[in-house]
Protein backbone atom coordinates (compact mmCIF):
# COMPACT_ATOMS: atom_id res chain seq x y z
CA MET A 1 -40.21 -35.34 -49.72
CA LYS A 2 -37.50 -37.77 -49.51
CA THR A 3 -34.96 -35.10 -50.68
CA ASN A 4 -36.09 -32.81 -47.98
CA TYR A 5 -36.05 -35.34 -45.40
CA TYR A 6 -32.59 -36.23 -46.18
CA THR A 7 -31.51 -32.58 -46.10
CA ASN A 8 -32.91 -32.17 -42.60
CA ILE A 9 -31.02 -35.17 -41.25
CA LYS A 10 -27.90 -33.74 -42.62
CA LYS A 11 -28.56 -30.40 -40.99
CA ALA A 12 -29.41 -31.96 -37.71
CA SER A 13 -26.21 -34.04 -37.72
CA THR A 14 -24.13 -31.14 -38.34
CA MET A 15 -25.88 -29.17 -35.43
CA LEU A 16 -25.53 -32.31 -33.10
CA LEU A 17 -21.83 -32.46 -33.83
CA GLY A 18 -21.36 -28.72 -33.12
CA LEU A 19 -23.09 -29.17 -29.72
CA ILE A 20 -20.76 -32.09 -28.93
CA CYS A 21 -17.79 -30.05 -29.67
CA LEU A 22 -19.07 -27.17 -27.53
CA SER A 23 -19.90 -29.53 -24.73
CA PHE A 24 -15.97 -30.29 -24.52
CA LEU A 25 -15.00 -26.46 -24.99
CA VAL A 26 -17.18 -24.99 -22.44
CA PRO A 27 -15.64 -26.76 -19.46
CA PHE A 28 -12.18 -25.97 -20.52
CA SER A 29 -13.25 -22.32 -20.90
CA SER A 30 -14.92 -22.31 -17.71
CA CYS A 31 -11.78 -23.73 -15.84
CA LYS A 32 -9.71 -20.98 -17.56
CA LYS A 33 -11.86 -18.21 -16.34
CA ASP A 34 -11.87 -19.86 -12.77
CA ASP A 35 -7.98 -19.92 -13.01
CA GLU A 36 -7.97 -16.26 -14.04
CA ARG A 37 -10.09 -15.29 -11.04
CA ALA A 38 -8.04 -17.36 -8.44
CA VAL A 39 -6.45 -15.33 -5.67
CA PRO A 40 -2.76 -15.97 -5.38
CA PHE A 41 -1.68 -17.63 -2.11
CA ALA A 42 1.77 -18.65 -0.79
CA LEU A 43 3.86 -19.07 2.29
CA LYS A 44 7.02 -17.25 2.19
CA ASP A 45 9.91 -19.70 1.07
CA ASN A 46 7.20 -22.20 0.25
CA PRO A 47 7.63 -24.45 3.37
CA SER A 48 5.84 -27.70 3.17
CA ASP A 49 6.63 -29.42 6.36
CA LEU A 50 7.64 -28.57 9.91
CA SER A 51 9.70 -31.25 11.91
CA VAL A 52 9.68 -30.67 15.62
CA SER A 53 11.48 -32.48 18.39
CA SER A 54 9.88 -34.15 21.38
CA GLN A 55 10.49 -31.03 23.45
CA GLY A 56 8.08 -28.96 21.30
CA ALA A 57 8.78 -25.69 19.29
CA SER A 58 7.14 -22.68 18.02
CA GLN A 59 7.60 -21.14 14.46
CA THR A 60 6.08 -18.09 12.63
CA PHE A 61 5.06 -18.36 8.97
CA ASP A 62 4.33 -15.44 6.56
CA VAL A 63 1.33 -15.58 4.49
CA GLN A 64 1.37 -14.00 0.99
CA THR A 65 -1.96 -13.27 -0.63
CA THR A 66 -4.53 -10.57 -1.29
CA GLY A 67 -7.57 -12.50 -0.15
CA THR A 68 -9.18 -13.49 3.09
CA TRP A 69 -7.49 -16.67 4.37
CA LYS A 70 -8.09 -19.25 6.93
CA ILE A 71 -6.10 -22.20 8.34
CA GLU A 72 -7.90 -25.49 8.87
CA PRO A 73 -6.21 -28.42 10.53
CA LEU A 74 -7.47 -31.84 9.34
CA ARG A 75 -8.02 -32.77 12.97
CA ASN A 76 -8.27 -30.59 16.12
CA GLU A 77 -5.26 -31.51 18.17
CA ARG A 78 -4.81 -30.35 21.72
CA TRP A 79 -1.05 -30.33 21.28
CA LEU A 80 -1.17 -28.01 18.37
CA LYS A 81 -1.89 -24.25 18.51
CA ILE A 82 -2.28 -21.89 15.68
CA GLU A 83 -2.59 -18.08 16.20
CA PRO A 84 -4.27 -16.35 14.42
CA THR A 85 -6.28 -18.96 12.37
CA GLU A 86 -7.50 -16.40 9.90
CA GLY A 87 -6.58 -13.09 8.29
CA GLN A 88 -6.87 -10.68 5.52
CA GLY A 89 -4.02 -10.02 2.90
CA ASP A 90 -0.39 -10.47 3.89
CA GLY A 91 0.23 -11.57 7.49
CA THR A 92 1.74 -14.18 9.68
CA PHE A 93 0.58 -16.95 11.89
CA THR A 94 2.48 -18.95 14.64
CA VAL A 95 2.45 -22.66 15.04
CA THR A 96 3.07 -23.67 18.64
CA VAL A 97 3.62 -27.60 19.23
CA ASP A 98 3.61 -28.78 22.79
CA ARG A 99 6.10 -31.22 24.35
CA ASN A 100 5.37 -34.77 23.41
CA MET A 101 5.27 -37.01 26.56
CA SER A 102 4.29 -40.24 24.71
CA LEU A 103 6.43 -42.77 23.21
CA GLU A 104 4.74 -42.43 19.74
CA PRO A 105 5.49 -39.68 17.17
CA ARG A 106 2.61 -37.68 16.06
CA GLN A 107 1.67 -35.56 13.14
CA SER A 108 -0.94 -33.17 11.73
CA VAL A 109 -1.66 -31.34 8.41
CA LEU A 110 -2.69 -27.87 7.86
CA THR A 111 -4.78 -26.88 4.98
CA PHE A 112 -5.49 -23.28 3.85
CA VAL A 113 -8.69 -21.70 2.45
CA VAL A 114 -8.55 -18.30 0.42
CA ASP A 115 -11.83 -16.46 -0.22
CA GLY A 116 -13.65 -19.75 0.39
CA LYS A 117 -11.46 -21.87 -1.83
CA VAL A 118 -9.28 -24.66 -0.63
CA GLN A 119 -5.64 -24.24 -1.72
CA ASN A 120 -3.23 -27.03 -2.83
CA ASN A 121 -0.70 -25.62 -0.38
CA ILE A 122 -0.52 -27.92 2.72
CA LEU A 123 1.82 -27.68 5.85
CA LYS A 124 2.63 -31.01 7.30
CA ILE A 125 3.70 -30.85 11.02
CA GLU A 126 5.70 -34.03 12.49
CA GLN A 127 6.86 -34.29 16.03
CA ALA A 128 9.17 -36.92 17.36
CA ALA A 129 8.32 -39.27 20.25
CA ARG A 130 9.78 -38.99 23.66
CA SER A 131 12.99 -40.94 24.03
CA PRO A 132 12.33 -44.08 26.42
CA GLU A 133 15.60 -43.58 28.44
CA ASN A 134 14.39 -40.09 29.45
CA GLY A 135 11.65 -41.65 31.54
CA ASN A 136 8.96 -39.08 32.34
CA GLY A 137 11.54 -36.28 32.36
CA GLU A 138 12.05 -33.61 35.01
CA SER A 139 9.37 -31.06 35.85
CA TYR A 140 10.24 -27.60 34.18
CA VAL A 141 8.92 -24.21 32.96
CA ASN A 142 11.09 -21.77 30.82
CA LEU A 143 10.80 -19.27 28.03
CA ASP A 144 11.54 -21.27 24.92
CA GLY A 145 14.44 -22.79 26.81
CA LEU A 146 16.49 -19.60 27.21
CA ALA A 147 18.68 -18.96 30.12
CA SER A 148 17.98 -15.18 29.76
CA LEU A 149 16.59 -12.79 27.05
CA GLU A 150 18.84 -10.29 25.36
CA VAL A 151 17.03 -7.35 23.90
CA PRO A 152 18.33 -4.53 21.70
CA GLU A 153 18.26 -0.81 22.90
CA ASP A 154 15.13 -0.05 20.42
CA GLY A 155 12.85 -2.52 22.28
CA LEU A 156 11.09 -5.69 21.25
CA HIS A 157 7.65 -7.06 20.33
CA GLY A 158 7.91 -10.83 19.91
CA ARG A 159 6.16 -14.09 20.00
CA TYR A 160 7.58 -16.85 22.14
CA ALA A 161 6.43 -19.77 24.00
CA ILE A 162 6.44 -20.72 27.71
CA ARG A 163 7.43 -24.54 27.98
CA SER A 164 5.97 -26.31 30.87
CA THR A 165 5.06 -29.68 32.25
CA GLY A 166 2.13 -28.31 34.45
CA GLU A 167 0.33 -25.22 35.48
CA TRP A 168 2.67 -22.17 35.28
CA ARG A 169 2.67 -18.53 36.28
CA VAL A 170 5.15 -15.71 35.69
CA GLU A 171 5.72 -12.83 38.29
CA ILE A 172 7.77 -9.73 37.36
CA ILE A 173 9.63 -8.70 40.32
CA GLU A 174 11.59 -5.87 38.57
CA GLY A 175 11.18 -3.99 35.38
CA SER A 176 7.40 -4.20 35.08
CA ASP A 177 7.31 -0.58 33.88
CA TRP A 178 9.17 -1.43 30.56
CA PHE A 179 8.77 -5.15 30.33
CA SER A 180 5.43 -7.09 29.79
CA MET A 181 4.20 -10.53 28.96
CA GLU A 182 0.80 -11.80 27.85
CA PRO A 183 -0.62 -14.10 29.22
CA MET A 184 1.13 -14.28 32.61
CA GLN A 185 -0.15 -17.85 33.35
CA GLY A 186 -1.37 -20.99 31.50
CA ARG A 187 -1.00 -24.68 31.48
CA TYR A 188 1.65 -26.73 29.58
CA ASP A 189 3.21 -25.16 26.46
CA THR A 190 1.46 -21.83 25.81
CA GLY A 191 2.28 -18.93 23.22
CA VAL A 192 3.07 -15.67 24.92
CA ASN A 193 3.54 -11.93 23.66
CA VAL A 194 6.74 -10.45 24.97
CA SER A 195 7.02 -6.48 24.88
CA VAL A 196 10.00 -4.32 25.80
CA ASP A 197 9.92 -0.60 25.49
CA VAL A 198 12.76 1.43 24.05
CA ASN A 199 15.62 2.14 26.50
CA LEU A 200 16.11 5.97 26.20
CA SER A 201 18.97 5.79 28.68
CA PRO A 202 22.68 5.06 27.95
CA ASP A 203 22.69 2.68 30.80
CA PRO A 204 21.71 -0.90 30.31
CA ARG A 205 18.75 -2.42 32.44
CA THR A 206 17.45 -5.60 33.64
CA ALA A 207 14.03 -6.92 34.25
CA ARG A 208 13.75 -9.88 36.51
CA LEU A 209 11.00 -12.75 36.64
CA VAL A 210 10.33 -15.67 38.58
CA TYR A 211 8.47 -18.75 37.54
CA TYR A 212 5.80 -20.69 39.56
CA LEU A 213 5.05 -24.32 38.55
CA ASN A 214 1.99 -26.11 40.05
CA GLY A 215 1.86 -23.49 42.73
CA GLU A 216 5.39 -23.63 43.79
CA GLN A 217 8.20 -21.05 43.10
CA VAL A 218 10.90 -22.45 40.80
CA PRO A 219 14.32 -21.65 42.18
CA GLY A 220 16.42 -19.08 40.33
CA ILE A 221 15.56 -15.75 38.50
CA PHE A 222 15.08 -15.25 34.74
CA GLU A 223 16.62 -12.08 33.45
CA VAL A 224 15.79 -9.73 30.50
CA ASN A 225 18.82 -7.74 29.69
CA GLN A 226 18.61 -4.51 27.46
CA GLU A 227 21.40 -2.52 26.21
CA GLY A 228 21.55 1.27 26.83
CA VAL A 229 21.99 3.72 23.98
CA GLU A 230 23.07 7.22 23.44
CA VAL A 231 19.87 8.93 22.19
CA ILE A 232 19.95 11.92 19.75
CA LEU A 233 16.32 12.15 19.03
CA TYR A 234 13.16 10.12 20.01
CA GLU A 235 9.82 11.08 18.98
CA ASP A 236 6.64 9.23 19.77
CA PHE A 237 4.22 12.14 18.75
CA ASN A 238 2.13 11.50 22.04
CA TRP A 239 1.71 15.26 22.09
CA LEU A 240 -0.70 14.93 19.12
CA ASN A 241 -4.14 13.80 19.68
CA TYR A 242 -6.36 14.43 16.76
CA GLY A 243 -8.90 12.20 14.83
CA SER A 244 -9.03 8.39 15.22
CA ALA A 245 -6.43 5.68 15.82
CA ILE A 246 -8.36 3.58 13.18
CA PHE A 247 -6.42 4.14 9.90
CA TYR A 248 -9.41 4.50 7.50
CA THR A 249 -11.25 7.05 9.75
CA THR A 250 -10.19 10.33 8.58
CA THR A 251 -12.70 12.39 10.56
CA GLY A 252 -10.85 14.83 12.85
CA GLU A 253 -7.35 14.57 11.67
CA THR A 254 -5.63 17.70 11.47
CA ARG A 255 -3.12 19.22 8.98
CA MET A 256 0.12 20.40 10.28
CA ASP A 257 -0.39 24.13 9.36
CA SER A 258 -3.39 24.06 11.72
CA TRP A 259 -1.54 22.66 14.63
CA THR A 260 -1.44 24.79 17.81
CA ALA A 261 1.60 27.02 18.52
CA GLY A 262 2.70 24.64 21.20
CA GLU A 263 2.58 21.61 18.87
CA LYS A 264 4.52 23.53 16.10
CA ALA A 265 7.14 24.41 18.67
CA MET A 266 8.12 20.94 19.03
CA GLY A 267 10.16 21.41 15.90
CA TRP A 268 8.47 19.05 13.30
CA SER A 269 7.93 20.81 10.04
CA TYR A 270 8.19 20.27 6.25
CA TYR A 271 10.91 20.90 3.64
CA GLN A 272 8.72 21.39 0.81
CA PRO A 273 4.81 21.77 0.57
CA ASP A 274 2.68 19.91 -2.02
CA PRO A 275 1.85 21.49 -5.37
CA THR A 276 -1.18 23.37 -3.79
CA GLY A 277 1.11 25.10 -1.41
CA VAL A 278 0.10 23.25 1.77
CA PRO A 279 1.88 20.40 3.81
CA SER A 280 -0.02 17.16 3.33
CA VAL A 281 0.85 15.92 6.83
CA TYR A 282 -1.93 15.05 9.29
CA ALA A 283 -1.85 14.51 13.04
CA ARG A 284 -3.63 11.51 14.50
CA PRO A 285 -3.65 10.30 18.03
CA GLY A 286 0.09 9.78 18.74
CA PHE A 287 1.17 9.27 15.18
CA LEU A 288 1.29 11.06 11.86
CA LYS A 289 -0.45 10.43 8.36
CA LEU A 290 1.64 11.48 5.31
CA GLY A 291 -0.32 12.32 2.29
CA ARG A 292 -3.80 12.61 0.67
CA THR A 293 -5.39 11.94 -2.51
CA ASN A 294 -3.12 13.33 -5.51
CA TYR A 295 -0.54 14.45 -3.23
CA GLY A 296 2.30 12.94 -1.11
CA GLY A 297 3.12 14.19 2.48
CA GLU A 298 6.58 15.13 3.64
CA VAL A 299 7.61 15.75 7.36
CA LEU A 300 10.94 17.27 8.36
CA SER A 301 12.65 16.48 11.72
CA PRO A 302 14.12 19.04 13.91
CA LYS A 303 18.10 19.68 13.70
CA LEU A 304 19.83 16.65 15.42
CA SER A 305 21.37 19.30 17.94
CA ALA A 306 22.65 16.46 20.45
CA VAL A 307 25.11 15.21 17.78
CA GLU A 308 28.70 15.93 18.96
CA GLY A 309 31.07 16.95 16.05
CA THR A 310 30.53 14.33 13.38
CA GLN A 311 28.96 11.21 14.32
CA ASN A 312 27.36 8.07 12.51
CA LEU A 313 23.76 7.39 13.53
CA ARG A 314 21.21 4.70 13.51
CA VAL A 315 17.73 5.68 12.71
CA SER A 316 14.75 3.41 13.40
CA PHE A 317 10.96 4.28 12.65
CA LYS A 318 7.58 2.68 12.51
CA ALA A 319 5.45 2.85 9.43
CA VAL A 320 2.14 1.38 8.15
CA PRO A 321 0.48 1.74 4.71
CA TYR A 322 -2.95 3.07 4.14
CA GLN A 323 -5.74 0.62 3.39
CA THR A 324 -9.43 1.53 3.25
CA ALA A 325 -12.01 -0.20 5.17
CA ALA A 326 -13.06 -2.13 1.94
CA GLY A 327 -9.55 -3.20 1.44
CA ALA A 328 -8.31 -0.96 -1.42
CA ARG A 329 -4.62 -0.34 -0.96
CA ASP A 330 -2.47 2.84 -1.48
CA VAL A 331 1.04 2.69 -3.20
CA THR A 332 3.58 1.94 -0.48
CA ILE A 333 6.67 3.99 -1.26
CA LEU A 334 8.27 5.92 1.51
CA LYS A 335 11.31 8.13 0.57
CA ILE A 336 14.15 9.22 3.04
CA GLY A 337 16.25 12.25 2.85
CA ILE A 338 18.57 14.49 4.66
CA ILE A 339 19.26 18.16 4.70
CA GLY A 340 22.62 19.09 6.05
CA PRO A 341 25.69 16.93 6.47
CA GLY A 342 25.38 13.04 6.11
CA THR A 343 25.07 10.19 3.77
CA LEU A 344 22.09 7.79 3.93
CA SER A 345 22.52 3.96 3.85
CA GLN A 346 18.93 3.72 2.14
CA ASP A 347 16.70 6.30 0.81
CA GLN A 348 13.47 4.30 0.03
CA PHE A 349 11.33 1.63 1.77
CA ASP A 350 8.60 -0.48 0.54
CA ILE A 351 5.89 -0.02 3.43
CA ASN A 352 4.04 -3.30 2.73
CA ASN A 353 3.10 -4.49 6.29
CA TRP A 354 -0.63 -4.34 5.68
CA PRO A 355 -3.15 -3.70 8.57
CA ASN A 356 -5.69 -6.46 9.36
CA TYR A 357 -8.87 -4.81 10.25
CA THR A 358 -10.43 -8.21 11.18
CA THR A 359 -7.99 -9.28 13.75
CA ASP A 360 -6.86 -5.81 14.80
CA PRO A 361 -10.04 -3.61 14.31
CA ASN A 362 -8.60 -0.73 16.48
CA CYS A 363 -5.18 -0.63 14.65
CA THR A 364 -3.12 -0.94 17.73
CA GLU A 365 -1.48 -4.47 17.42
CA ILE A 366 0.07 -3.59 13.97
CA TRP A 367 2.29 -0.95 15.67
CA LYS A 368 3.79 -3.78 17.93
CA ALA A 369 4.67 -6.14 14.96
CA PRO A 370 8.40 -6.62 14.26
CA GLU A 371 7.96 -5.85 10.64
CA THR A 372 6.53 -2.42 11.30
CA THR A 373 9.92 -1.15 12.45
CA ARG A 374 12.66 -0.20 9.79
CA THR A 375 16.13 1.03 10.14
CA PHE A 376 18.69 2.89 8.26
CA THR A 377 22.12 4.74 9.19
CA ILE A 378 23.45 8.12 8.60
CA THR A 379 27.16 8.47 8.07
CA GLY A 380 28.89 11.67 9.01
CA ALA A 381 25.96 13.60 10.61
CA THR A 382 26.28 16.85 12.48
CA ALA A 383 24.16 19.01 14.76
CA GLU A 384 22.74 20.61 11.56
CA THR A 385 21.50 17.40 10.03
CA GLN A 386 17.81 17.07 9.50
CA ILE A 387 15.85 14.02 8.34
CA TRP A 388 12.64 14.08 6.09
CA PHE A 389 10.17 11.31 5.27
CA LEU A 390 8.10 11.52 2.08
CA GLY A 391 5.17 9.36 1.02
CA GLY A 392 5.79 8.47 -2.73
CA ALA A 393 6.13 12.02 -4.37
CA TYR A 394 4.82 15.43 -3.86
CA ASP A 395 2.58 15.37 -6.94
CA LEU A 396 0.86 12.03 -7.75
CA ARG A 397 -1.60 13.28 -10.17
CA GLU A 398 -1.62 11.94 -13.81
CA GLY A 399 0.72 13.58 -16.08
CA SER A 400 2.92 14.68 -13.17
CA GLY A 401 5.62 11.97 -13.98
CA TRP A 402 4.43 9.84 -11.10
CA THR A 403 4.78 6.22 -11.91
CA GLY A 404 2.69 4.49 -9.08
CA ALA A 405 -0.29 2.37 -9.86
CA ARG A 406 -2.54 4.74 -7.97
CA ASN A 407 -2.82 8.60 -7.08
CA VAL A 408 -2.66 7.76 -3.39
CA ASN A 409 0.51 7.01 -1.28
CA ARG A 410 -0.57 7.59 2.34
CA ILE A 411 1.90 6.34 5.06
CA PHE A 412 1.46 6.46 8.82
CA LEU A 413 4.59 7.26 10.73
CA ASP A 414 5.56 6.85 14.44
CA ASP A 415 8.35 6.19 16.99
CA ILE A 416 11.28 7.78 15.25
CA LEU A 417 14.56 6.86 17.28
CA VAL A 418 17.88 8.35 16.34
CA THR A 419 20.86 6.87 18.34
CA VAL A 420 24.72 6.85 18.02
CA LEU A 421 25.83 3.92 15.88
CA LYS A 422 28.04 1.70 17.91
């Protein structure tokens, strides 16, 4: 009996020691799995602080993540505005800091949450105090302190801030058919969206605005000046109206070979069909979708007949990658080529400006974002030159030589502008 008793104690000690070791190993294993599941998050260029003068400022930051993110200040401050405060995947947010009228500096800290988990990243915002010798300062209202706004010929969709010491309002007295600002009134420093349409005329143009502060018109006129341009081709596809503007809703979209005779007569065609013998190009309301599962779509422009002799051209276009409602993302390659004379400055783009269906459920705002527009040049073009756009490759199937991570590379395309390079 004693021998058996001693043997049981020895076994129990061994088991107990094993359990103690496991108790140390399990937390480390759990942490390792948590780390492996963590969604990456970063701000482009890794900023950790934003220093602002007493006059205030506005700055936009780029979010890089695949998860759902949210910005949470440590305290809610009336002098600090963040737009938007949340999003899905890669995106941007703008921090607007009001003018500091006090003699004390102030600060705030932004924290970030991704998929419900607080990140180590923080953004510290520090603003200087008002200088005592400036007294209370003069009353004012302006657009980010600018004396005027100079805009390129291909338009602008940008985020600015109205700086004001009180209640303000903007009235557009000339140019309201191509210039807009939202909102048009507010109180103190306020973020505004400024939109300027493409100028399709060779002549420059000017929009004129007047400011009101606390109900009184401010002397002077604020001018928005836009350059003119020699347009070779501009296509907004507004003559197409099939299916839905929401990217992931494919019902009703219509393939190019089923367009009406009038739509085909607009001159847009294809250089090469996909391996099944059809063009994988689809019409949506005012834009195109290139590609479908297993096959890339390619669209070919009309000949650039307005070119005189041999000219160098600038081409701008808008493009958005395909993302499903559930968040699955296509490959993002857009290839560019030409038929006829000319040399491209760039023959491939990474279309990685992902839509955010939470903040932009109707898929309209992303077309206004600056990163949606890309440009390239053509050297030595003639009236015989044509431009083609291809989503990835014609054949995306396994075994075809396609090296993309998935067999889908759908791209939305709009607003193609070809102008003479100055």
